[in-house]
């Protein structure tokens, strides 16, 4: 009988699946101030598959499947057939107020970052001139910046800046985290904006900068921002890797029903 008890005890103490499952359950009961998504996102890269995770953590695939199923029940991750596992965004980005990428990330307990990989000054295109309310021969500055969450590239930001903000933007460091903060410190507060959202395939440069396959689906947000004085500040195109951010919009009032007029 003593031998049987020892065997049972040994079985319980050496089961990696049980131990990992218990850790997952403890993670689910973390304090309200903790953000479990932040920890999970450091362990699971976008589109990572179960076999890769098993090899990375030195456990069996069965253990990984059990752990991922537990995380899935908590709403932390989800699987996409043929694409792998993805960490779910913690909360959607709303349109009730202007919020920069850095402000959104920090409000979710994430660490935002960025790196300007290309910048230059040129003549505005007709579209840029219209959006920024400048002449077509005006000089504008362009940035291509890779944005990161917790050190992971998640978005390519291509910005065109209005001439009147260039004295404050032109010489910012390549690793600037928040241009919104730089402008605010100069007395230019971004207070409103327009957003257009669509799905687009990753181009060659997108794929290289984000570490995804060419033609992979990306979430594109085209936006124009305005200062409190009503002047256009920037027009930009942001391209996010899947499952990084979601957007939420509310509608009020009923639409007219055909035939009711």
C-alpha atoms as a PDB file:
ATOM      1  CA  UNK A   1       0.000   0.000   0.000  1.00  0.00           C
ATOM      2  CA  UNK A   2       2.866   2.357   0.841  1.00  0.00           C
ATOM      3  CA  UNK A   3       4.384   1.573  -2.544  1.00  0.00           C
ATOM      4  CA  UNK A   4       1.140   2.429  -4.284  1.00  0.00           C
ATOM      5  CA  UNK A   5       0.979   5.766  -2.464  1.00  0.00           C
ATOM      6  CA  UNK A   6       4.534   6.577  -3.542  1.00  0.00           C
ATOM      7  CA  UNK A   7       3.705   5.761  -7.156  1.00  0.00           C
ATOM      8  CA  UNK A   8       0.602   7.965  -7.050  1.00  0.00           C
ATOM      9  CA  UNK A   9       2.546  10.785  -5.476  1.00  0.00           C
ATOM     10  CA  UNK A  10       5.321  10.457  -8.044  1.00  0.00           C
ATOM     11  CA  UNK A  11       2.791  10.497 -10.866  1.00  0.00           C
ATOM     12  CA  UNK A  12       1.201  13.710  -9.603  1.00  0.00           C
ATOM     13  CA  UNK A  13       4.498  15.520  -9.107  1.00  0.00           C
ATOM     14  CA  UNK A  14       6.006  14.711 -12.501  1.00  0.00           C
ATOM     15  CA  UNK A  15       3.056  15.511 -14.786  1.00  0.00           C
ATOM     16  CA  UNK A  16       4.087  18.584 -16.833  1.00  0.00           C
ATOM     17  CA  UNK A  17       0.611  18.963 -18.252  1.00  0.00           C
ATOM     18  CA  UNK A  18      -0.970  19.149 -14.814  1.00  0.00           C
ATOM     19  CA  UNK A  19       1.646  21.607 -13.612  1.00  0.00           C
ATOM     20  CA  UNK A  20       1.241  23.863 -16.639  1.00  0.00           C
ATOM     21  CA  UNK A  21      -2.543  23.711 -16.391  1.00  0.00           C
ATOM     22  CA  UNK A  22      -2.351  24.704 -12.717  1.00  0.00           C
ATOM     23  CA  UNK A  23      -0.130  27.655 -13.595  1.00  0.00           C
ATOM     24  CA  UNK A  24      -2.618  28.714 -16.275  1.00  0.00           C
ATOM     25  CA  UNK A  25      -5.458  28.597 -13.764  1.00  0.00           C
ATOM     26  CA  UNK A  26      -3.435  30.641 -11.266  1.00  0.00           C
ATOM     27  CA  UNK A  27      -2.765  33.153 -14.057  1.00  0.00           C
ATOM     28  CA  UNK A  28      -6.505  33.405 -14.649  1.00  0.00           C
ATOM     29  CA  UNK A  29      -6.931  34.408 -11.004  1.00  0.00           C
ATOM     30  CA  UNK A  30      -4.264  37.137 -11.162  1.00  0.00           C
ATOM     31  CA  UNK A  31      -4.998  40.449  -9.501  1.00  0.00           C
ATOM     32  CA  UNK A  32      -7.043  43.052 -11.358  1.00  0.00           C
ATOM     33  CA  UNK A  33      -3.963  45.237 -11.757  1.00  0.00           C
ATOM     34  CA  UNK A  34      -2.078  42.571 -13.726  1.00  0.00           C
ATOM     35  CA  UNK A  35      -2.436  42.169 -17.491  1.00  0.00           C
ATOM     36  CA  UNK A  36      -2.135  38.466 -18.417  1.00  0.00           C
ATOM     37  CA  UNK A  37      -2.154  39.325 -22.133  1.00  0.00           C
ATOM     38  CA  UNK A  38       1.131  41.139 -21.710  1.00  0.00           C
ATOM     39  CA  UNK A  39       2.764  38.015 -20.287  1.00  0.00           C
ATOM     40  CA  UNK A  40       1.182  35.724 -22.888  1.00  0.00           C
ATOM     41  CA  UNK A  41       2.216  38.010 -25.767  1.00  0.00           C
ATOM     42  CA  UNK A  42       5.835  37.640 -24.670  1.00  0.00           C
ATOM     43  CA  UNK A  43       5.553  33.854 -24.952  1.00  0.00           C
ATOM     44  CA  UNK A  44       3.462  33.484 -28.123  1.00  0.00           C
ATOM     45  CA  UNK A  45       4.424  35.269 -31.326  1.00  0.00           C
ATOM     46  CA  UNK A  46       1.707  35.913 -33.936  1.00  0.00           C
ATOM     47  CA  UNK A  47       0.924  32.839 -36.074  1.00  0.00           C
ATOM     48  CA  UNK A  48       3.073  30.560 -33.897  1.00  0.00           C
ATOM     49  CA  UNK A  49       1.995  26.921 -34.101  1.00  0.00           C
ATOM     50  CA  UNK A  50       1.657  24.336 -31.357  1.00  0.00           C
ATOM     51  CA  UNK A  51       4.691  22.344 -32.504  1.00  0.00           C
ATOM     52  CA  UNK A  52       6.907  25.436 -32.388  1.00  0.00           C
ATOM     53  CA  UNK A  53       5.689  26.286 -28.885  1.00  0.00           C
ATOM     54  CA  UNK A  54       6.292  22.733 -27.688  1.00  0.00           C
ATOM     55  CA  UNK A  55       9.883  22.806 -28.966  1.00  0.00           C
ATOM     56  CA  UNK A  56      10.470  26.299 -27.569  1.00  0.00           C
ATOM     57  CA  UNK A  57       9.304  25.415 -24.057  1.00  0.00           C
ATOM     58  CA  UNK A  58      10.620  21.851 -24.010  1.00  0.00           C
ATOM     59  CA  UNK A  59       7.269  20.139 -23.416  1.00  0.00           C
ATOM     60  CA  UNK A  60       5.032  17.808 -25.385  1.00  0.00           C
ATOM     61  CA  UNK A  61       2.474  18.956 -27.927  1.00  0.00           C
ATOM     62  CA  UNK A  62      -0.243  17.538 -25.709  1.00  0.00           C
ATOM     63  CA  UNK A  63       0.893  19.813 -22.883  1.00  0.00           C
ATOM     64  CA  UNK A  64       0.858  22.827 -25.219  1.00  0.00           C
ATOM     65  CA  UNK A  65      -2.632  21.935 -26.500  1.00  0.00           C
ATOM     66  CA  UNK A  66      -3.922  21.714 -22.928  1.00  0.00           C
ATOM     67  CA  UNK A  67      -2.344  25.050 -21.963  1.00  0.00           C
ATOM     68  CA  UNK A  68      -3.593  26.822 -25.097  1.00  0.00           C
ATOM     69  CA  UNK A  69      -7.101  25.454 -24.557  1.00  0.00           C
ATOM     70  CA  UNK A  70      -7.059  26.886 -21.015  1.00  0.00           C
ATOM     71  CA  UNK A  71      -5.872  30.259 -22.313  1.00  0.00           C
ATOM     72  CA  UNK A  72      -8.529  30.130 -25.030  1.00  0.00           C
ATOM     73  CA  UNK A  73     -11.279  29.607 -22.426  1.00  0.00           C
ATOM     74  CA  UNK A  74     -10.021  32.749 -20.678  1.00  0.00           C
ATOM     75  CA  UNK A  75     -10.275  34.710 -23.951  1.00  0.00           C
ATOM     76  CA  UNK A  76      -6.532  35.367 -24.046  1.00  0.00           C
ATOM     77  CA  UNK A  77      -5.676  33.533 -27.282  1.00  0.00           C
ATOM     78  CA  UNK A  78      -7.460  32.094 -30.277  1.00  0.00           C
ATOM     79  CA  UNK A  79      -6.534  29.690 -33.039  1.00  0.00           C
ATOM     80  CA  UNK A  80      -6.999  30.350 -36.745  1.00  0.00           C
ATOM     81  CA  UNK A  81      -6.974  27.324 -39.000  1.00  0.00           C
ATOM     82  CA  UNK A  82      -3.859  27.327 -41.145  1.00  0.00           C
ATOM     83  CA  UNK A  83      -2.448  30.418 -39.427  1.00  0.00           C
ATOM     84  CA  UNK A  84      -1.556  29.401 -35.878  1.00  0.00           C
ATOM     85  CA  UNK A  85      -2.252  30.986 -32.497  1.00  0.00           C
ATOM     86  CA  UNK A  86      -2.765  34.685 -31.777  1.00  0.00           C
ATOM     87  CA  UNK A  87      -3.007  36.705 -28.568  1.00  0.00           C
ATOM     88  CA  UNK A  88      -6.351  38.480 -28.414  1.00  0.00           C
ATOM     89  CA  UNK A  89      -6.409  42.289 -28.097  1.00  0.00           C
ATOM     90  CA  UNK A  90      -7.360  43.200 -24.529  1.00  0.00           C
ATOM     91  CA  UNK A  91      -9.925  45.877 -25.444  1.00  0.00           C
ATOM     92  CA  UNK A  92     -10.925  47.592 -28.664  1.00  0.00           C
ATOM     93  CA  UNK A  93      -9.865  51.108 -29.594  1.00  0.00           C
ATOM     94  CA  UNK A  94     -12.906  53.345 -29.539  1.00  0.00           C
ATOM     95  CA  UNK A  95     -13.621  56.535 -31.447  1.00  0.00           C
ATOM     96  CA  UNK A  96     -15.186  58.442 -28.561  1.00  0.00           C
ATOM     97  CA  UNK A  97     -11.978  60.485 -28.187  1.00  0.00           C
ATOM     98  CA  UNK A  98      -8.643  60.949 -29.912  1.00  0.00           C
ATOM     99  CA  UNK A  99      -6.033  58.557 -28.614  1.00  0.00           C
ATOM    100  CA  UNK A 100      -2.606  57.926 -30.100  1.00  0.00           C
ATOM    101  CA  UNK A 101      -1.032  54.484 -30.481  1.00  0.00           C
ATOM    102  CA  UNK A 102       1.188  55.206 -27.473  1.00  0.00           C
ATOM    103  CA  UNK A 103      -1.739  56.341 -25.311  1.00  0.00           C
ATOM    104  CA  UNK A 104      -3.791  53.293 -26.307  1.00  0.00           C
ATOM    105  CA  UNK A 105      -0.923  50.878 -25.599  1.00  0.00           C
ATOM    106  CA  UNK A 106      -0.115  52.343 -22.181  1.00  0.00           C
ATOM    107  CA  UNK A 107      -3.775  52.324 -21.187  1.00  0.00           C
ATOM    108  CA  UNK A 108      -3.687  48.542 -21.742  1.00  0.00           C
ATOM    109  CA  UNK A 109      -0.513  48.028 -19.723  1.00  0.00           C
ATOM    110  CA  UNK A 110       1.588  47.450 -22.847  1.00  0.00           C
ATOM    111  CA  UNK A 111       5.008  48.936 -23.630  1.00  0.00           C
ATOM    112  CA  UNK A 112       4.885  50.968 -26.891  1.00  0.00           C
ATOM    113  CA  UNK A 113       7.935  51.656 -29.007  1.00  0.00           C
ATOM    114  CA  UNK A 114       8.874  52.902 -32.425  1.00  0.00           C
ATOM    115  CA  UNK A 115      11.701  53.341 -34.886  1.00  0.00           C
ATOM    116  CA  UNK A 116      11.781  55.753 -37.818  1.00  0.00           C
ATOM    117  CA  UNK A 117      13.300  53.703 -40.646  1.00  0.00           C
ATOM    118  CA  UNK A 118      12.951  56.371 -43.337  1.00  0.00           C
ATOM    119  CA  UNK A 119      12.299  60.108 -43.408  1.00  0.00           C
ATOM    120  CA  UNK A 120      12.490  62.832 -45.981  1.00  0.00           C
ATOM    121  CA  UNK A 121      11.146  66.139 -47.259  1.00  0.00           C
ATOM    122  CA  UNK A 122       9.423  66.484 -50.616  1.00  0.00           C
ATOM    123  CA  UNK A 123       6.661  68.294 -52.471  1.00  0.00           C
ATOM    124  CA  UNK A 124       3.137  67.380 -51.402  1.00  0.00           C
ATOM    125  CA  UNK A 125       1.053  65.177 -53.681  1.00  0.00           C
ATOM    126  CA  UNK A 126      -2.374  66.457 -54.736  1.00  0.00           C
ATOM    127  CA  UNK A 127      -4.049  64.201 -52.163  1.00  0.00           C
ATOM    128  CA  UNK A 128      -1.720  65.357 -49.379  1.00  0.00           C
ATOM    129  CA  UNK A 129      -2.205  68.999 -50.344  1.00  0.00           C
ATOM    130  CA  UNK A 130      -5.973  68.562 -50.105  1.00  0.00           C
ATOM    131  CA  UNK A 131      -5.886  66.732 -46.758  1.00  0.00           C
ATOM    132  CA  UNK A 132      -3.326  69.060 -45.185  1.00  0.00           C
ATOM    133  CA  UNK A 133      -4.843  72.237 -46.676  1.00  0.00           C
ATOM    134  CA  UNK A 134      -1.604  73.354 -48.337  1.00  0.00           C
ATOM    135  CA  UNK A 135      -0.489  74.258 -51.855  1.00  0.00           C
ATOM    136  CA  UNK A 136       0.703  71.494 -54.174  1.00  0.00           C
ATOM    137  CA  UNK A 137       4.169  73.031 -54.194  1.00  0.00           C
ATOM    138  CA  UNK A 138       4.394  72.988 -50.376  1.00  0.00           C
ATOM    139  CA  UNK A 139       7.199  71.017 -48.728  1.00  0.00           C
ATOM    140  CA  UNK A 140       6.022  68.231 -46.395  1.00  0.00           C
ATOM    141  CA  UNK A 141       7.937  65.732 -44.272  1.00  0.00           C
ATOM    142  CA  UNK A 142       7.321  61.994 -44.450  1.00  0.00           C
ATOM    143  CA  UNK A 143       8.096  59.298 -41.896  1.00  0.00           C
ATOM    144  CA  UNK A 144       8.053  55.530 -42.202  1.00  0.00           C
ATOM    145  CA  UNK A 145       8.026  54.187 -38.667  1.00  0.00           C
ATOM    146  CA  UNK A 146       7.777  50.647 -37.278  1.00  0.00           C
ATOM    147  CA  UNK A 147       5.679  50.584 -34.105  1.00  0.00           C
ATOM    148  CA  UNK A 148       6.155  47.902 -31.470  1.00  0.00           C
ATOM    149  CA  UNK A 149       4.248  46.461 -28.520  1.00  0.00           C
ATOM    150  CA  UNK A 150       6.419  44.928 -25.801  1.00  0.00           C
ATOM    151  CA  UNK A 151       9.296  44.899 -28.286  1.00  0.00           C
ATOM    152  CA  UNK A 152       7.349  43.117 -31.049  1.00  0.00           C
ATOM    153  CA  UNK A 153       6.755  44.861 -34.432  1.00  0.00           C
ATOM    154  CA  UNK A 154       3.001  45.191 -34.927  1.00  0.00           C
ATOM    155  CA  UNK A 155       2.444  48.164 -37.233  1.00  0.00           C
ATOM    156  CA  UNK A 156       4.018  50.204 -40.022  1.00  0.00           C
ATOM    157  CA  UNK A 157       3.113  53.877 -39.826  1.00  0.00           C
ATOM    158  CA  UNK A 158       3.576  56.087 -42.882  1.00  0.00           C
ATOM    159  CA  UNK A 159       2.996  59.713 -41.964  1.00  0.00           C
ATOM    160  CA  UNK A 160       3.003  62.983 -43.885  1.00  0.00           C
ATOM    161  CA  UNK A 161       3.347  66.087 -41.700  1.00  0.00           C
ATOM    162  CA  UNK A 162       1.939  69.527 -42.414  1.00  0.00           C
ATOM    163  CA  UNK A 163       4.569  72.253 -42.968  1.00  0.00           C
ATOM    164  CA  UNK A 164       3.525  74.252 -39.886  1.00  0.00           C
ATOM    165  CA  UNK A 165       4.509  71.439 -37.471  1.00  0.00           C
ATOM    166  CA  UNK A 166       7.887  70.662 -39.065  1.00  0.00           C
ATOM    167  CA  UNK A 167       9.920  72.829 -36.671  1.00  0.00           C
ATOM    168  CA  UNK A 168       8.806  70.476 -33.887  1.00  0.00           C
ATOM    169  CA  UNK A 169       8.896  67.170 -35.803  1.00  0.00           C
ATOM    170  CA  UNK A 170      11.825  67.394 -38.204  1.00  0.00           C
ATOM    171  CA  UNK A 171      14.591  66.626 -35.715  1.00  0.00           C
ATOM    172  CA  UNK A 172      12.944  64.072 -33.412  1.00  0.00           C
ATOM    173  CA  UNK A 173      15.043  60.998 -32.614  1.00  0.00           C
ATOM    174  CA  UNK A 174      14.556  57.884 -34.733  1.00  0.00           C
ATOM    175  CA  UNK A 175      13.446  55.946 -31.649  1.00  0.00           C
ATOM    176  CA  UNK A 176      10.882  58.546 -30.557  1.00  0.00           C
ATOM    177  CA  UNK A 177       8.038  56.815 -28.730  1.00  0.00           C
ATOM    178  CA  UNK A 178       5.357  59.519 -29.011  1.00  0.00           C
ATOM    179  CA  UNK A 179       5.221  62.324 -31.563  1.00  0.00           C
ATOM    180  CA  UNK A 180       1.885  63.294 -29.999  1.00  0.00           C
ATOM    181  CA  UNK A 181       3.777  64.074 -26.785  1.00  0.00           C
ATOM    182  CA  UNK A 182       6.371  66.122 -28.683  1.00  0.00           C
ATOM    183  CA  UNK A 183       3.633  68.213 -30.281  1.00  0.00           C
ATOM    184  CA  UNK A 184       1.758  68.618 -26.981  1.00  0.00           C
ATOM    185  CA  UNK A 185       4.933  69.901 -25.338  1.00  0.00           C
ATOM    186  CA  UNK A 186       5.086  72.505 -28.109  1.00  0.00           C
ATOM    187  CA  UNK A 187       1.496  73.562 -27.421  1.00  0.00           C
ATOM    188  CA  UNK A 188      -0.020  71.649 -30.359  1.00  0.00           C
ATOM    189  CA  UNK A 189      -2.740  69.338 -29.040  1.00  0.00           C
ATOM    190  CA  UNK A 190      -4.191  66.775 -31.458  1.00  0.00           C
ATOM    191  CA  UNK A 191      -7.905  66.787 -30.685  1.00  0.00           C
ATOM    192  CA  UNK A 192      -9.799  65.263 -33.616  1.00  0.00           C
ATOM    193  CA  UNK A 193      -9.368  62.988 -36.584  1.00  0.00           C
ATOM    194  CA  UNK A 194     -10.893  61.008 -39.429  1.00  0.00           C
ATOM    195  CA  UNK A 195     -10.333  57.244 -39.818  1.00  0.00           C
ATOM    196  CA  UNK A 196     -10.982  54.851 -42.707  1.00  0.00           C
ATOM    197  CA  UNK A 197     -10.422  51.164 -42.012  1.00  0.00           C
ATOM    198  CA  UNK A 198      -9.978  48.327 -44.497  1.00  0.00           C
ATOM    199  CA  UNK A 199      -8.121  45.059 -45.018  1.00  0.00           C
ATOM    200  CA  UNK A 200      -5.149  45.118 -47.407  1.00  0.00           C
ATOM    201  CA  UNK A 201      -2.425  42.647 -48.449  1.00  0.00           C
ATOM    202  CA  UNK A 202       1.090  43.193 -47.130  1.00  0.00           C
ATOM    203  CA  UNK A 203       3.448  44.692 -49.675  1.00  0.00           C
ATOM    204  CA  UNK A 204       7.121  43.814 -49.988  1.00  0.00           C
ATOM    205  CA  UNK A 205       8.221  46.544 -47.576  1.00  0.00           C
ATOM    206  CA  UNK A 206       5.434  45.711 -45.099  1.00  0.00           C
ATOM    207  CA  UNK A 207       6.489  42.066 -45.101  1.00  0.00           C
ATOM    208  CA  UNK A 208      10.130  42.945 -44.474  1.00  0.00           C
ATOM    209  CA  UNK A 209       9.444  45.417 -41.682  1.00  0.00           C
ATOM    210  CA  UNK A 210       6.803  43.351 -39.885  1.00  0.00           C
ATOM    211  CA  UNK A 211       8.268  39.892 -40.431  1.00  0.00           C
ATOM    212  CA  UNK A 212       5.199  38.526 -42.221  1.00  0.00           C
ATOM    213  CA  UNK A 213       4.676  36.917 -45.601  1.00  0.00           C
ATOM    214  CA  UNK A 214       4.081  39.108 -48.616  1.00  0.00           C
ATOM    215  CA  UNK A 215       0.341  39.390 -49.354  1.00  0.00           C
ATOM    216  CA  UNK A 216      -0.548  38.468 -45.764  1.00  0.00           C
ATOM    217  CA  UNK A 217      -3.679  40.325 -44.611  1.00  0.00           C
ATOM    218  CA  UNK A 218      -3.098  43.561 -42.687  1.00  0.00           C
ATOM    219  CA  UNK A 219      -5.533  45.984 -41.074  1.00  0.00           C
ATOM    220  CA  UNK A 220      -5.059  49.397 -42.677  1.00  0.00           C
ATOM    221  CA  UNK A 221      -6.170  52.623 -41.004  1.00  0.00           C
ATOM    222  CA  UNK A 222      -6.003  55.790 -43.084  1.00  0.00           C
ATOM    223  CA  UNK A 223      -6.297  58.843 -40.868  1.00  0.00           C
ATOM    224  CA  UNK A 224      -6.062  62.614 -40.775  1.00  0.00           C
ATOM    225  CA  UNK A 225      -5.532  64.437 -37.494  1.00  0.00           C
ATOM    226  CA  UNK A 226      -6.293  68.020 -36.490  1.00  0.00           C
ATOM    227  CA  UNK A 227      -5.153  70.351 -33.721  1.00  0.00           C
ATOM    228  CA  UNK A 228      -7.477  72.230 -31.388  1.00  0.00           C
ATOM    229  CA  UNK A 229      -7.140  75.278 -33.676  1.00  0.00           C
ATOM    230  CA  UNK A 230      -8.635  73.229 -36.521  1.00  0.00           C
ATOM    231  CA  UNK A 231      -5.443  73.049 -38.593  1.00  0.00           C
ATOM    232  CA  UNK A 232      -4.480  69.685 -40.140  1.00  0.00           C
ATOM    233  CA  UNK A 233      -1.460  68.144 -38.445  1.00  0.00           C
ATOM    234  CA  UNK A 234      -0.830  64.899 -40.261  1.00  0.00           C
ATOM    235  CA  UNK A 235      -2.231  62.438 -42.762  1.00  0.00           C
ATOM    236  CA  UNK A 236      -1.100  58.856 -42.334  1.00  0.00           C
ATOM    237  CA  UNK A 237      -1.559  55.238 -43.247  1.00  0.00           C
ATOM    238  CA  UNK A 238      -1.113  52.633 -40.492  1.00  0.00           C
ATOM    239  CA  UNK A 239      -0.876  48.915 -41.273  1.00  0.00           C
ATOM    240  CA  UNK A 240      -1.312  46.477 -38.378  1.00  0.00           C
ATOM    241  CA  UNK A 241      -0.532  42.773 -38.232  1.00  0.00           C
ATOM    242  CA  UNK A 242      -3.677  40.716 -37.525  1.00  0.00           C
ATOM    243  CA  UNK A 243      -4.995  40.372 -33.974  1.00  0.00           C
ATOM    244  CA  UNK A 244      -3.060  43.362 -32.654  1.00  0.00           C
ATOM    245  CA  UNK A 245      -5.846  45.901 -32.332  1.00  0.00           C
ATOM    246  CA  UNK A 246      -9.574  46.078 -32.904  1.00  0.00           C
ATOM    247  CA  UNK A 247     -11.790  49.114 -33.319  1.00  0.00           C
ATOM    248  CA  UNK A 248     -15.226  49.760 -31.903  1.00  0.00           C
ATOM    249  CA  UNK A 249     -17.750  52.295 -33.189  1.00  0.00           C
ATOM    250  CA  UNK A 250     -21.181  53.160 -31.837  1.00  0.00           C
ATOM    251  CA  UNK A 251     -24.136  54.355 -33.876  1.00  0.00           C
ATOM    252  CA  UNK A 252     -27.121  56.332 -32.600  1.00  0.00           C
ATOM    253  CA  UNK A 253     -30.500  56.844 -34.220  1.00  0.00           C
ATOM    254  CA  UNK A 254     -32.457  54.671 -36.606  1.00  0.00           C
ATOM    255  CA  UNK A 255     -31.851  54.773 -40.335  1.00  0.00           C
ATOM    256  CA  UNK A 256     -34.753  55.623 -42.607  1.00  0.00           C
ATOM    257  CA  UNK A 257     -36.591  52.537 -43.846  1.00  0.00           C
ATOM    258  CA  UNK A 258     -37.279  52.566 -47.628  1.00  0.00           C
ATOM    259  CA  UNK A 259     -40.950  53.219 -48.313  1.00  0.00           C
ATOM    260  CA  UNK A 260     -41.601  55.062 -45.045  1.00  0.00           C
ATOM    261  CA  UNK A 261     -41.334  58.554 -46.565  1.00  0.00           C
END
